[in-house]
N, C-alpha and C. Protein backbone atom coordinates (compact mmCIF):
# COMPACT_ATOMS: atom_id res chain seq x y z
N MET A 1 141.95 95.80 195.24
CA MET A 1 141.80 94.49 195.69
C MET A 1 140.22 93.79 195.20
N GLU A 2 140.64 92.81 194.44
CA GLU A 2 139.03 92.47 194.07
C GLU A 2 138.58 91.39 194.62
N ALA A 3 137.22 91.41 194.42
CA ALA A 3 136.24 90.89 195.55
C ALA A 3 135.41 89.83 194.82
N ILE A 4 135.63 88.59 194.79
CA ILE A 4 134.82 87.70 194.27
C ILE A 4 134.04 86.67 195.00
N ALA A 5 132.62 86.24 194.38
CA ALA A 5 131.70 85.29 195.05
C ALA A 5 132.33 83.77 195.25
N TYR A 6 132.10 83.60 196.35
CA TYR A 6 132.55 82.00 197.06
C TYR A 6 132.67 80.87 195.92
N SER A 7 131.62 81.01 195.15
CA SER A 7 131.15 79.77 193.79
C SER A 7 132.00 79.80 193.00
N HIS A 8 132.28 81.23 192.66
CA HIS A 8 132.67 81.33 191.38
C HIS A 8 134.61 81.09 192.23
N PHE A 9 134.87 81.17 193.36
CA PHE A 9 136.36 81.06 193.87
C PHE A 9 136.55 79.61 193.54
N ARG A 10 135.43 78.91 194.31
CA ARG A 10 135.79 77.72 194.33
C ARG A 10 135.55 76.98 192.62
N ASN A 11 135.01 77.39 191.91
CA ASN A 11 134.72 76.70 190.49
C ASN A 11 136.38 76.83 189.60
N HIS A 12 136.73 78.03 189.91
CA HIS A 12 138.32 78.64 189.45
C HIS A 12 139.11 78.38 190.57
N LEU A 13 139.28 78.11 191.21
CA LEU A 13 140.07 78.05 192.54
C LEU A 13 142.00 77.89 192.06
N LYS A 14 141.97 77.19 190.65
CA LYS A 14 143.15 76.92 190.07
C LYS A 14 144.33 78.20 189.84
N ASP A 15 142.75 79.16 189.10
CA ASP A 15 143.19 80.15 188.38
C ASP A 15 143.55 81.42 189.33
N TYR A 16 142.44 81.19 190.53
CA TYR A 16 142.58 82.33 191.14
C TYR A 16 144.07 82.15 192.27
N MET A 17 144.54 80.99 192.68
CA MET A 17 145.38 80.68 193.47
C MET A 17 146.70 81.05 192.59
N LYS A 18 146.93 80.96 191.15
CA LYS A 18 147.62 81.22 190.21
C LYS A 18 148.53 82.72 190.32
N LYS A 19 146.78 83.34 189.81
CA LYS A 19 146.72 85.00 190.23
C LYS A 19 147.27 85.62 191.21
N VAL A 20 146.73 84.84 192.73
CA VAL A 20 147.46 85.39 193.90
C VAL A 20 148.82 85.77 194.05
N ASN A 21 149.43 84.79 193.72
CA ASN A 21 150.61 83.81 193.82
C ASN A 21 151.59 85.26 192.83
N ASP A 22 150.73 85.47 191.47
CA ASP A 22 151.92 85.93 190.32
C ASP A 22 151.55 87.36 190.53
N GLU A 23 150.53 87.83 191.05
CA GLU A 23 150.07 89.36 191.07
C GLU A 23 150.58 89.72 192.51
N PHE A 24 150.95 89.20 193.37
CA PHE A 24 150.90 89.47 194.77
C PHE A 24 150.03 90.41 195.45
N GLU A 25 148.70 90.59 194.59
CA GLU A 25 147.47 90.99 195.12
C GLU A 25 146.73 90.15 195.92
N PRO A 26 146.07 90.70 197.30
CA PRO A 26 145.37 89.52 197.67
C PRO A 26 143.67 90.04 197.23
N LEU A 27 143.18 88.60 197.56
CA LEU A 27 141.76 88.84 196.63
C LEU A 27 140.51 88.47 198.36
N ILE A 28 139.28 89.03 197.72
CA ILE A 28 138.50 88.92 198.70
C ILE A 28 137.46 87.80 198.29
N VAL A 29 136.94 86.82 198.58
CA VAL A 29 136.20 85.68 198.89
C VAL A 29 134.88 86.00 199.38
N VAL A 30 133.67 86.27 199.16
CA VAL A 30 132.70 86.99 199.50
C VAL A 30 131.90 85.86 199.76
N ASN A 31 131.00 85.92 200.10
CA ASN A 31 129.81 84.81 200.99
C ASN A 31 128.71 85.21 201.11
N LYS A 32 127.75 84.44 201.48
CA LYS A 32 126.24 85.46 201.82
C LYS A 32 126.11 85.89 203.19
N ASN A 33 126.83 85.44 203.48
CA ASN A 33 126.89 85.89 205.49
C ASN A 33 128.44 86.44 205.42
N PRO A 34 128.32 87.55 205.35
CA PRO A 34 129.75 88.77 205.11
C PRO A 34 130.58 88.10 206.52
N GLU A 35 130.07 87.43 207.70
CA GLU A 35 131.23 87.39 208.51
C GLU A 35 131.98 85.79 208.11
N GLU A 36 131.16 85.39 206.99
CA GLU A 36 132.53 84.19 206.61
C GLU A 36 133.30 84.64 205.26
N ASP A 37 133.07 86.14 204.89
CA ASP A 37 133.68 86.19 204.12
C ASP A 37 135.71 86.21 204.20
N ILE A 38 136.52 85.87 203.31
CA ILE A 38 137.96 86.00 203.95
C ILE A 38 138.38 86.44 202.56
N VAL A 39 139.93 86.28 203.08
CA VAL A 39 140.67 87.13 202.39
C VAL A 39 142.34 85.98 201.99
N VAL A 40 142.25 86.32 200.53
CA VAL A 40 143.30 85.15 200.09
C VAL A 40 144.68 85.67 199.82
N ILE A 41 145.70 85.36 200.48
CA ILE A 41 146.98 85.76 200.01
C ILE A 41 148.13 84.72 199.74
N SER A 42 149.43 85.13 199.16
CA SER A 42 149.98 84.19 199.11
C SER A 42 150.98 83.79 199.99
N LYS A 43 151.72 82.91 200.46
CA LYS A 43 152.64 82.59 201.07
C LYS A 43 153.82 83.13 201.37
N SER A 44 153.75 84.36 200.42
CA SER A 44 154.92 85.17 200.43
C SER A 44 154.60 86.45 200.90
N GLU A 45 153.56 86.94 200.53
CA GLU A 45 152.97 88.18 201.76
C GLU A 45 152.64 87.56 203.08
N TRP A 46 152.28 86.65 203.20
CA TRP A 46 152.22 86.06 204.26
C TRP A 46 153.03 86.53 205.40
N ASN A 47 154.32 85.42 205.02
CA ASN A 47 155.16 85.57 205.87
C ASN A 47 156.11 87.46 205.62
N SER A 48 155.85 88.18 204.93
CA SER A 48 155.91 89.22 205.04
C SER A 48 155.29 89.92 206.16
N ILE A 49 154.22 89.72 206.02
CA ILE A 49 153.17 90.41 207.02
C ILE A 49 153.98 90.06 208.58
N GLN A 50 153.89 88.33 208.70
CA GLN A 50 154.76 87.97 209.88
C GLN A 50 155.66 88.60 210.19
N GLU A 51 156.72 88.84 209.48
CA GLU A 51 158.12 89.64 209.58
C GLU A 51 157.90 90.91 210.29
N THR A 52 156.80 91.85 209.36
CA THR A 52 156.63 93.00 209.60
C THR A 52 156.07 93.28 210.98
N LEU A 53 155.24 92.40 211.59
CA LEU A 53 154.43 92.57 212.45
C LEU A 53 155.62 92.00 213.83
N ALA A 54 156.35 91.02 213.73
CA ALA A 54 157.76 90.75 214.51
C ALA A 54 158.32 91.74 214.52
N VAL A 55 158.76 93.01 213.73
CA VAL A 55 159.76 93.94 213.93
C VAL A 55 158.59 94.62 214.82
N ALA A 56 157.70 94.63 214.50
CA ALA A 56 156.84 96.02 215.04
C ALA A 56 156.44 95.77 216.56
N ASN A 57 156.27 94.18 216.98
CA ASN A 57 156.87 93.75 218.04
C ASN A 57 157.68 94.07 219.01
N ASN A 58 158.72 94.18 218.51
CA ASN A 58 160.02 94.19 219.03
C ASN A 58 160.45 95.60 219.39
N ALA A 59 160.60 95.72 220.49
CA ALA A 59 161.21 97.58 220.72
C ALA A 59 162.16 97.74 220.17
N TYR A 60 162.88 96.89 220.64
CA TYR A 60 164.44 97.19 220.00
C TYR A 60 164.90 97.36 218.57
N LEU A 61 163.88 96.58 218.05
CA LEU A 61 164.14 96.49 216.16
C LEU A 61 163.12 97.81 215.82
N SER A 62 161.82 98.00 216.36
CA SER A 62 161.01 98.95 215.86
C SER A 62 161.55 100.34 216.21
N ASP A 63 162.66 100.52 217.37
CA ASP A 63 162.98 101.43 217.42
C ASP A 63 164.08 101.95 216.40
N LYS A 64 165.04 101.15 215.99
CA LYS A 64 165.64 101.16 215.24
C LYS A 64 165.60 101.31 213.58
N VAL A 65 164.65 100.73 213.19
CA VAL A 65 163.23 100.86 211.75
C VAL A 65 163.68 102.66 211.88
N LEU A 66 162.65 103.07 213.15
CA LEU A 66 162.20 104.43 213.16
C LEU A 66 163.24 105.46 213.19
N ARG A 67 164.50 105.22 214.00
CA ARG A 67 165.83 105.97 214.16
C ARG A 67 166.15 106.10 212.44
N GLY A 68 166.28 105.28 211.86
CA GLY A 68 166.51 105.01 210.58
C GLY A 68 166.12 105.71 209.39
N MET A 69 164.54 105.68 209.27
CA MET A 69 164.08 106.45 208.50
C MET A 69 163.88 107.88 209.05
N ALA A 70 164.08 108.14 210.40
CA ALA A 70 164.56 110.08 210.57
C ALA A 70 166.05 110.37 210.36
N GLU A 71 167.03 109.26 210.19
CA GLU A 71 168.20 109.61 209.71
C GLU A 71 168.03 109.88 207.89
N VAL A 72 167.41 109.10 207.40
CA VAL A 72 167.13 109.23 206.00
C VAL A 72 166.92 110.49 205.54
N LYS A 73 165.02 110.78 206.16
CA LYS A 73 164.22 111.85 206.28
C LYS A 73 165.11 113.23 206.11
N ALA A 74 166.09 113.26 207.02
CA ALA A 74 166.92 114.15 207.49
C ALA A 74 168.29 114.26 206.58
N GLY A 75 168.30 113.51 205.55
CA GLY A 75 169.28 113.81 204.88
C GLY A 75 170.44 113.21 205.47
N LYS A 76 170.66 112.72 206.66
CA LYS A 76 171.77 111.95 207.49
C LYS A 76 172.25 111.00 206.58
N SER A 77 171.77 110.32 205.63
CA SER A 77 172.22 108.85 205.20
C SER A 77 173.25 108.84 203.73
N GLN A 78 173.90 107.68 203.72
CA GLN A 78 174.98 107.97 202.70
C GLN A 78 174.59 106.90 201.77
N LYS A 79 174.87 107.15 200.29
CA LYS A 79 174.82 106.14 199.28
C LYS A 79 175.82 105.38 199.32
N ARG A 80 175.58 104.56 199.35
CA ARG A 80 176.97 102.95 198.92
C ARG A 80 176.98 102.00 197.83
N ASP A 81 177.84 102.00 197.07
CA ASP A 81 178.33 101.13 196.07
C ASP A 81 177.69 99.99 196.24
N LEU A 82 177.43 98.75 196.06
CA LEU A 82 177.37 97.66 196.65
C LEU A 82 178.42 96.83 195.97
N ILE A 83 179.15 96.13 196.52
CA ILE A 83 180.13 95.14 196.57
C ILE A 83 179.91 93.90 196.00
N GLU A 84 179.62 92.98 195.32
CA GLU A 84 179.41 92.12 194.49
C GLU A 84 180.86 90.84 194.90
N ASP A 85 180.76 89.80 195.30
CA ASP A 85 181.82 89.08 195.46
C ASP A 85 181.87 88.25 194.11
């Protein structure tokens, strides 16, 4: 994960916004006071994180995902062809 100074980020905001969105890579923006450092991520990445948290906080869904992963690991899954309309 790249880290840049706040002033450089401010001076090149448009370029960094494009880079974060195009590369799906978070960007750390550091300041003189480390408590004011931030992380910039794309909206799609943010939405993905929120969805993951929602699943993790839902006992039913979380258990279902874990059971599915265990089945795959145990070789109890089946490969299916995708049928397109």
